[in-house]
Amino acid sequence: MGLSYQDIIDKFDKHLSKSGKRYYSEFYVGISKNAPKRLFEEHHVDMNTSWWIYATADSSDTARDVEKHYIELGMRGSDGGGDDSSDMVYCYVVTPTTTE
């Protein structure tokens, strides 16, 4: 079973505080039905040396709400992607080697 909106926000905020970054604009947030594939294959996030996080939401609507929350705070990304099976939210620090 996936996490609620507040559980994901709490988990992400706790992890964000350990990133060493000051601005939401230094991060990218998105949704997917396969967050590891999006992060490590498509966005080229380095699994071992980069800051990243993902969580499975209790629904695609919850995932979209979390994504919208962070975009409104200034993270990179755009809402409206994915489909009804996109129940995972992911986030990473944008670096010169990542692809948005």
C-alpha atoms as a PDB file:
ATOM      1  CA  MET A   1       0.000   0.000   0.000  1.00  0.00           C
ATOM      2  CA  GLY A   2       1.244   3.449  -0.882  1.00  0.00           C
ATOM      3  CA  LEU A   3       1.792   6.459   1.330  1.00  0.00           C
ATOM      4  CA  SER A   4      -0.608   9.318   1.993  1.00  0.00           C
ATOM      5  CA  TYR A   5       0.019  12.881   0.817  1.00  0.00           C
ATOM      6  CA  GLN A   6       1.222  14.008   4.249  1.00  0.00           C
ATOM      7  CA  ASP A   7       3.427  10.940   4.738  1.00  0.00           C
ATOM      8  CA  ILE A   8       5.217  11.638   1.441  1.00  0.00           C
ATOM      9  CA  ILE A   9       5.574  15.361   2.204  1.00  0.00           C
ATOM     10  CA  ASP A  10       7.055  14.511   5.615  1.00  0.00           C
ATOM     11  CA  LYS A  11       9.427  11.924   4.127  1.00  0.00           C
ATOM     12  CA  PHE A  12      10.581  14.233   1.317  1.00  0.00           C
ATOM     13  CA  ASP A  13      10.972  17.273   3.597  1.00  0.00           C
ATOM     14  CA  LYS A  14      13.109  15.281   6.032  1.00  0.00           C
ATOM     15  CA  HIS A  15      15.303  14.059   3.178  1.00  0.00           C
ATOM     16  CA  LEU A  16      15.430  17.538   1.573  1.00  0.00           C
ATOM     17  CA  SER A  17      16.848  18.956   4.805  1.00  0.00           C
ATOM     18  CA  LYS A  18      19.849  16.618   4.381  1.00  0.00           C
ATOM     19  CA  SER A  19      20.548  17.646   0.774  1.00  0.00           C
ATOM     20  CA  GLY A  20      22.795  20.597   1.561  1.00  0.00           C
ATOM     21  CA  LYS A  21      20.812  22.707  -0.927  1.00  0.00           C
ATOM     22  CA  ARG A  22      19.085  25.983  -0.101  1.00  0.00           C
ATOM     23  CA  TYR A  23      16.603  26.525  -2.926  1.00  0.00           C
ATOM     24  CA  TYR A  24      13.720  24.455  -4.244  1.00  0.00           C
ATOM     25  CA  SER A  25      14.819  25.459  -7.748  1.00  0.00           C
ATOM     26  CA  GLU A  26      17.866  23.198  -7.339  1.00  0.00           C
ATOM     27  CA  PHE A  27      15.571  20.149  -7.421  1.00  0.00           C
ATOM     28  CA  TYR A  28      13.423  18.405 -10.003  1.00  0.00           C
ATOM     29  CA  VAL A  29      10.190  16.649  -9.023  1.00  0.00           C
ATOM     30  CA  GLY A  30       8.081  14.321 -11.123  1.00  0.00           C
ATOM     31  CA  ILE A  31       5.702  11.373 -11.118  1.00  0.00           C
ATOM     32  CA  SER A  32       5.945   8.002 -12.804  1.00  0.00           C
ATOM     33  CA  LYS A  33       4.758   4.424 -12.611  1.00  0.00           C
ATOM     34  CA  ASN A  34       8.457   3.437 -12.490  1.00  0.00           C
ATOM     35  CA  ALA A  35      10.468   6.017 -10.545  1.00  0.00           C
ATOM     36  CA  PRO A  36      13.792   4.112 -10.570  1.00  0.00           C
ATOM     37  CA  LYS A  37      13.717   3.923 -14.371  1.00  0.00           C
ATOM     38  CA  ARG A  38      12.885   7.630 -14.652  1.00  0.00           C
ATOM     39  CA  LEU A  39      15.576   8.633 -12.162  1.00  0.00           C
ATOM     40  CA  PHE A  40      18.495   6.479 -13.181  1.00  0.00           C
ATOM     41  CA  GLU A  41      17.906   5.726 -16.877  1.00  0.00           C
ATOM     42  CA  GLU A  42      16.005   8.720 -18.233  1.00  0.00           C
ATOM     43  CA  HIS A  43      17.148  11.604 -15.988  1.00  0.00           C
ATOM     44  CA  HIS A  44      20.686  10.144 -15.632  1.00  0.00           C
ATOM     45  CA  VAL A  45      20.789  10.562 -11.852  1.00  0.00           C
ATOM     46  CA  ASP A  46      23.814   8.796 -10.397  1.00  0.00           C
ATOM     47  CA  MET A  47      22.413   6.240  -7.972  1.00  0.00           C
ATOM     48  CA  ASN A  48      25.537   6.205  -5.808  1.00  0.00           C
ATOM     49  CA  THR A  49      26.681   9.816  -5.668  1.00  0.00           C
ATOM     50  CA  SER A  50      23.594  11.984  -6.280  1.00  0.00           C
ATOM     51  CA  TRP A  51      20.852  13.095  -3.897  1.00  0.00           C
ATOM     52  CA  TRP A  52      17.501  11.537  -4.807  1.00  0.00           C
ATOM     53  CA  ILE A  53      14.339  10.137  -3.267  1.00  0.00           C
ATOM     54  CA  TYR A  54      11.132   8.496  -4.378  1.00  0.00           C
ATOM     55  CA  ALA A  55       7.992   7.122  -2.778  1.00  0.00           C
ATOM     56  CA  THR A  56       4.894   5.249  -3.873  1.00  0.00           C
ATOM     57  CA  ALA A  57       1.678   7.137  -3.194  1.00  0.00           C
ATOM     58  CA  ASP A  58      -1.672   5.609  -2.337  1.00  0.00           C
ATOM     59  CA  SER A  59      -3.013   6.827  -5.718  1.00  0.00           C
ATOM     60  CA  SER A  60      -1.996   8.710  -8.838  1.00  0.00           C
ATOM     61  CA  ASP A  61      -4.052  11.671  -7.579  1.00  0.00           C
ATOM     62  CA  THR A  62      -1.968  11.771  -4.396  1.00  0.00           C
ATOM     63  CA  ALA A  63       1.244  11.592  -6.445  1.00  0.00           C
ATOM     64  CA  ARG A  64       0.040  14.523  -8.577  1.00  0.00           C
ATOM     65  CA  ASP A  65      -0.866  16.545  -5.483  1.00  0.00           C
ATOM     66  CA  VAL A  66       2.615  16.020  -4.006  1.00  0.00           C
ATOM     67  CA  GLU A  67       4.229  16.954  -7.323  1.00  0.00           C
ATOM     68  CA  LYS A  68       2.087  20.104  -7.542  1.00  0.00           C
ATOM     69  CA  HIS A  69       3.006  21.058  -3.954  1.00  0.00           C
ATOM     70  CA  TYR A  70       6.726  21.053  -4.704  1.00  0.00           C
ATOM     71  CA  ILE A  71       6.378  22.731  -8.107  1.00  0.00           C
ATOM     72  CA  GLU A  72       4.443  25.544  -6.428  1.00  0.00           C
ATOM     73  CA  LEU A  73       7.326  25.896  -3.942  1.00  0.00           C
ATOM     74  CA  GLY A  74       9.718  26.362  -6.871  1.00  0.00           C
ATOM     75  CA  MET A  75      11.015  22.933  -7.863  1.00  0.00           C
ATOM     76  CA  ARG A  76      11.639  22.242 -11.511  1.00  0.00           C
ATOM     77  CA  GLY A  77       9.232  19.952 -13.324  1.00  0.00           C
ATOM     78  CA  SER A  78       5.752  20.304 -14.700  1.00  0.00           C
ATOM     79  CA  ASP A  79       2.448  18.835 -13.735  1.00  0.00           C
ATOM     80  CA  GLY A  80       0.227  17.001 -16.149  1.00  0.00           C
ATOM     81  CA  GLY A  81       2.667  14.222 -17.033  1.00  0.00           C
ATOM     82  CA  GLY A  82       2.230  10.523 -16.485  1.00  0.00           C
ATOM     83  CA  ASP A  83      -1.085   8.704 -16.542  1.00  0.00           C
ATOM     84  CA  ASP A  84      -3.506   7.027 -14.131  1.00  0.00           C
ATOM     85  CA  SER A  85      -0.872   4.422 -13.227  1.00  0.00           C
ATOM     86  CA  SER A  86       1.711   7.070 -12.236  1.00  0.00           C
ATOM     87  CA  ASP A  87       1.601   6.600  -8.472  1.00  0.00           C
ATOM     88  CA  MET A  88       5.274   7.228  -7.669  1.00  0.00           C
ATOM     89  CA  VAL A  89       6.744  10.638  -6.844  1.00  0.00           C
ATOM     90  CA  TYR A  90      10.470  11.210  -7.320  1.00  0.00           C
ATOM     91  CA  CYS A  91      12.846  14.068  -6.708  1.00  0.00           C
ATOM     92  CA  TYR A  92      16.525  14.712  -7.367  1.00  0.00           C
ATOM     93  CA  VAL A  93      19.124  17.461  -7.274  1.00  0.00           C
ATOM     94  CA  VAL A  94      19.705  18.898 -10.732  1.00  0.00           C
ATOM     95  CA  THR A  95      23.374  18.659 -11.730  1.00  0.00           C
ATOM     96  CA  PRO A  96      25.308  19.218 -14.969  1.00  0.00           C
ATOM     97  CA  THR A  97      25.037  15.473 -15.677  1.00  0.00           C
ATOM     98  CA  THR A  98      21.275  15.070 -15.119  1.00  0.00           C
ATOM     99  CA  THR A  99      18.692  15.433 -17.866  1.00  0.00           C
ATOM    100  CA  GLU A 100      15.457  17.209 -17.007  1.00  0.00           C
END
